[in-house]
Amino acid sequence: MLRTYEATLNHGQVQWLYEQPNIESARIIVTIMEEFKPRTKRQPPVSIAGKAKTLGDIISPMTDDGEWECLK
């Protein structure tokens, strides 16, 4: 039975991202997906700070009684 585990390879060392297999010795097949780049939260450029305007609500605001405006 084949099992899949996600890991990164750093300087020849395997680092498991989630579950580490409980196996002492095994034959493995390695598929290189892409160069690993840690995900970072995207930020707008500093040059546009304070220049954006909201043209409308993305979702209708809730009323004081907890109901959605669009459901009335």
N, C-alpha and C. Protein backbone atom coordinates (compact mmCIF):
# COMPACT_ATOMS: atom_id res chain seq x y z
N MET A 1 0.84 -1.18 0.00
CA MET A 1 0.00 0.00 0.00
C MET A 1 0.89 1.24 0.00
N LEU A 2 0.55 2.21 -0.86
CA LEU A 2 1.29 3.46 -0.92
C LEU A 2 0.65 4.49 -0.01
N ARG A 3 1.47 5.23 0.71
CA ARG A 3 0.99 6.31 1.56
C ARG A 3 1.73 7.58 1.16
N THR A 4 1.07 8.72 1.28
CA THR A 4 1.67 9.99 0.91
C THR A 4 1.84 10.85 2.15
N TYR A 5 3.03 11.42 2.28
CA TYR A 5 3.34 12.32 3.38
C TYR A 5 3.96 13.58 2.78
N GLU A 6 3.62 14.73 3.32
CA GLU A 6 4.16 15.98 2.80
C GLU A 6 5.37 16.40 3.63
N ALA A 7 6.44 16.79 2.92
CA ALA A 7 7.67 17.18 3.59
C ALA A 7 8.41 18.19 2.73
N THR A 8 9.39 18.83 3.33
CA THR A 8 10.28 19.70 2.57
C THR A 8 11.68 19.10 2.66
N LEU A 9 12.51 19.47 1.71
CA LEU A 9 13.89 19.00 1.68
C LEU A 9 14.79 20.21 1.83
N ASN A 10 15.52 20.29 2.93
CA ASN A 10 16.42 21.40 3.21
C ASN A 10 17.83 20.88 3.41
N HIS A 11 18.71 21.20 2.47
CA HIS A 11 20.12 20.79 2.53
C HIS A 11 20.25 19.29 2.73
N GLY A 12 19.42 18.52 1.98
CA GLY A 12 19.50 17.07 2.04
C GLY A 12 18.76 16.44 3.20
N GLN A 13 18.13 17.21 4.05
CA GLN A 13 17.40 16.69 5.21
C GLN A 13 15.90 16.81 4.96
N VAL A 14 15.16 15.74 5.19
CA VAL A 14 13.71 15.75 5.04
C VAL A 14 13.09 16.28 6.32
N GLN A 15 12.19 17.26 6.17
CA GLN A 15 11.47 17.81 7.32
C GLN A 15 9.98 17.60 7.06
N TRP A 16 9.34 16.80 7.89
CA TRP A 16 7.93 16.47 7.72
C TRP A 16 7.08 17.69 8.06
N LEU A 17 6.10 17.99 7.22
CA LEU A 17 5.24 19.15 7.46
C LEU A 17 4.12 18.82 8.43
N TYR A 18 3.60 17.62 8.39
CA TYR A 18 2.48 17.25 9.24
C TYR A 18 2.80 15.94 9.94
N GLU A 19 2.15 14.88 9.50
CA GLU A 19 2.33 13.57 10.12
C GLU A 19 3.64 12.93 9.67
N GLN A 20 4.43 12.48 10.63
CA GLN A 20 5.68 11.78 10.32
C GLN A 20 5.40 10.28 10.31
N PRO A 21 5.81 9.58 9.26
CA PRO A 21 5.54 8.15 9.22
C PRO A 21 6.28 7.41 10.34
N ASN A 22 5.63 6.39 10.88
CA ASN A 22 6.21 5.59 11.95
C ASN A 22 6.85 4.36 11.32
N ILE A 23 7.93 4.58 10.54
CA ILE A 23 8.61 3.51 9.82
C ILE A 23 10.11 3.66 10.04
N GLU A 24 10.77 2.56 10.38
CA GLU A 24 12.21 2.59 10.61
C GLU A 24 13.00 2.61 9.31
N SER A 25 12.55 1.83 8.32
CA SER A 25 13.26 1.71 7.06
C SER A 25 12.26 1.43 5.96
N ALA A 26 12.44 2.11 4.81
CA ALA A 26 11.51 1.90 3.71
C ALA A 26 12.13 2.38 2.41
N ARG A 27 11.65 1.85 1.31
CA ARG A 27 12.02 2.34 -0.01
C ARG A 27 11.06 3.49 -0.31
N ILE A 28 11.59 4.62 -0.78
CA ILE A 28 10.74 5.77 -1.04
C ILE A 28 10.93 6.26 -2.47
N ILE A 29 9.93 6.95 -2.99
CA ILE A 29 10.00 7.61 -4.28
C ILE A 29 9.73 9.08 -4.01
N VAL A 30 10.62 9.94 -4.44
CA VAL A 30 10.49 11.37 -4.17
C VAL A 30 10.11 12.10 -5.45
N THR A 31 9.07 12.91 -5.36
CA THR A 31 8.64 13.75 -6.48
C THR A 31 8.85 15.20 -6.07
N ILE A 32 9.64 15.92 -6.82
CA ILE A 32 9.88 17.33 -6.52
C ILE A 32 8.76 18.14 -7.15
N MET A 33 7.96 18.82 -6.33
CA MET A 33 6.80 19.58 -6.80
C MET A 33 7.21 20.96 -7.30
N GLU A 34 7.90 21.70 -6.46
CA GLU A 34 8.34 23.06 -6.78
C GLU A 34 9.27 23.51 -5.66
N GLU A 35 9.96 24.59 -5.91
CA GLU A 35 10.80 25.14 -4.85
C GLU A 35 9.89 25.64 -3.75
N PHE A 36 10.19 25.29 -2.51
CA PHE A 36 9.35 25.67 -1.38
C PHE A 36 9.62 27.11 -0.98
N LYS A 37 8.56 27.89 -0.97
CA LYS A 37 8.65 29.29 -0.51
C LYS A 37 7.60 29.47 0.57
N PRO A 38 7.99 29.84 1.76
CA PRO A 38 6.99 30.05 2.82
C PRO A 38 5.97 31.08 2.38
N ARG A 39 4.71 30.83 2.70
CA ARG A 39 3.66 31.76 2.34
C ARG A 39 3.68 32.97 3.26
N THR A 40 3.55 34.13 2.65
CA THR A 40 3.48 35.35 3.43
C THR A 40 2.19 36.07 3.07
N LYS A 41 1.69 36.84 3.99
CA LYS A 41 0.47 37.59 3.75
C LYS A 41 0.80 38.75 2.83
N ARG A 42 0.02 38.89 1.77
CA ARG A 42 0.25 39.98 0.82
C ARG A 42 -0.12 41.31 1.45
N GLN A 43 0.69 42.31 1.21
CA GLN A 43 0.46 43.66 1.73
C GLN A 43 0.45 44.63 0.56
N PRO A 44 -0.42 45.64 0.60
CA PRO A 44 -0.41 46.64 -0.48
C PRO A 44 0.85 47.49 -0.36
N PRO A 45 1.29 48.07 -1.46
CA PRO A 45 2.46 48.94 -1.42
C PRO A 45 2.21 50.14 -0.51
N VAL A 46 3.24 50.58 0.17
CA VAL A 46 3.15 51.74 1.07
C VAL A 46 2.74 52.99 0.30
N SER A 47 3.09 53.06 -0.97
CA SER A 47 2.80 54.25 -1.78
C SER A 47 1.30 54.50 -1.97
N ILE A 48 0.44 53.49 -1.76
CA ILE A 48 -0.99 53.71 -1.93
C ILE A 48 -1.74 53.78 -0.60
N ALA A 49 -1.03 53.82 0.50
CA ALA A 49 -1.66 53.86 1.82
C ALA A 49 -2.58 55.07 1.94
N GLY A 50 -3.82 54.86 2.36
CA GLY A 50 -4.79 55.93 2.58
C GLY A 50 -5.44 56.46 1.31
N LYS A 51 -5.14 55.89 0.15
CA LYS A 51 -5.67 56.40 -1.11
C LYS A 51 -6.87 55.59 -1.62
N ALA A 52 -7.15 54.44 -1.02
CA ALA A 52 -8.24 53.60 -1.49
C ALA A 52 -9.56 54.03 -0.86
N LYS A 53 -10.65 53.85 -1.61
CA LYS A 53 -11.98 54.16 -1.11
C LYS A 53 -12.87 52.94 -1.31
N THR A 54 -13.77 52.71 -0.36
CA THR A 54 -14.75 51.65 -0.49
C THR A 54 -15.96 52.23 -1.20
N LEU A 55 -16.34 51.62 -2.31
CA LEU A 55 -17.45 52.13 -3.10
C LEU A 55 -18.79 51.59 -2.63
N GLY A 56 -18.80 50.53 -1.87
CA GLY A 56 -20.03 49.94 -1.36
C GLY A 56 -19.70 48.78 -0.46
N ASP A 57 -20.70 48.24 0.20
CA ASP A 57 -20.49 47.10 1.07
C ASP A 57 -20.32 45.83 0.24
N ILE A 58 -19.42 44.98 0.67
CA ILE A 58 -19.26 43.69 0.02
C ILE A 58 -20.45 42.80 0.38
N ILE A 59 -20.85 42.87 1.65
CA ILE A 59 -22.01 42.14 2.16
C ILE A 59 -22.88 43.16 2.89
N SER A 60 -24.17 43.04 2.74
CA SER A 60 -25.07 43.97 3.42
C SER A 60 -24.82 43.91 4.92
N PRO A 61 -24.81 45.04 5.60
CA PRO A 61 -24.54 45.04 7.04
C PRO A 61 -25.69 44.41 7.81
N MET A 62 -25.39 43.90 8.98
CA MET A 62 -26.43 43.33 9.84
C MET A 62 -27.16 44.45 10.54
N THR A 63 -28.43 44.26 10.79
CA THR A 63 -29.22 45.24 11.54
C THR A 63 -29.04 44.97 13.02
N ASP A 64 -29.61 45.83 13.84
CA ASP A 64 -29.48 45.69 15.29
C ASP A 64 -30.09 44.39 15.83
N ASP A 65 -31.10 43.84 15.12
CA ASP A 65 -31.73 42.61 15.59
C ASP A 65 -31.02 41.35 15.09
N GLY A 66 -29.88 41.50 14.41
CA GLY A 66 -29.09 40.35 13.98
C GLY A 66 -29.48 39.79 12.64
N GLU A 67 -30.47 40.40 11.98
CA GLU A 67 -30.89 39.93 10.65
C GLU A 67 -30.08 40.64 9.57
N TRP A 68 -29.88 39.95 8.47
CA TRP A 68 -29.21 40.56 7.33
C TRP A 68 -30.18 41.47 6.61
N GLU A 69 -29.72 42.65 6.22
CA GLU A 69 -30.54 43.62 5.46
C GLU A 69 -31.11 42.99 4.20
N CYS A 70 -30.30 42.20 3.49
CA CYS A 70 -30.72 41.67 2.19
C CYS A 70 -31.79 40.58 2.34
N LEU A 71 -32.02 40.06 3.55
CA LEU A 71 -33.00 39.00 3.74
C LEU A 71 -34.39 39.56 4.07
N LYS A 72 -34.51 40.84 4.25
CA LYS A 72 -35.81 41.44 4.62
C LYS A 72 -36.62 41.77 3.41
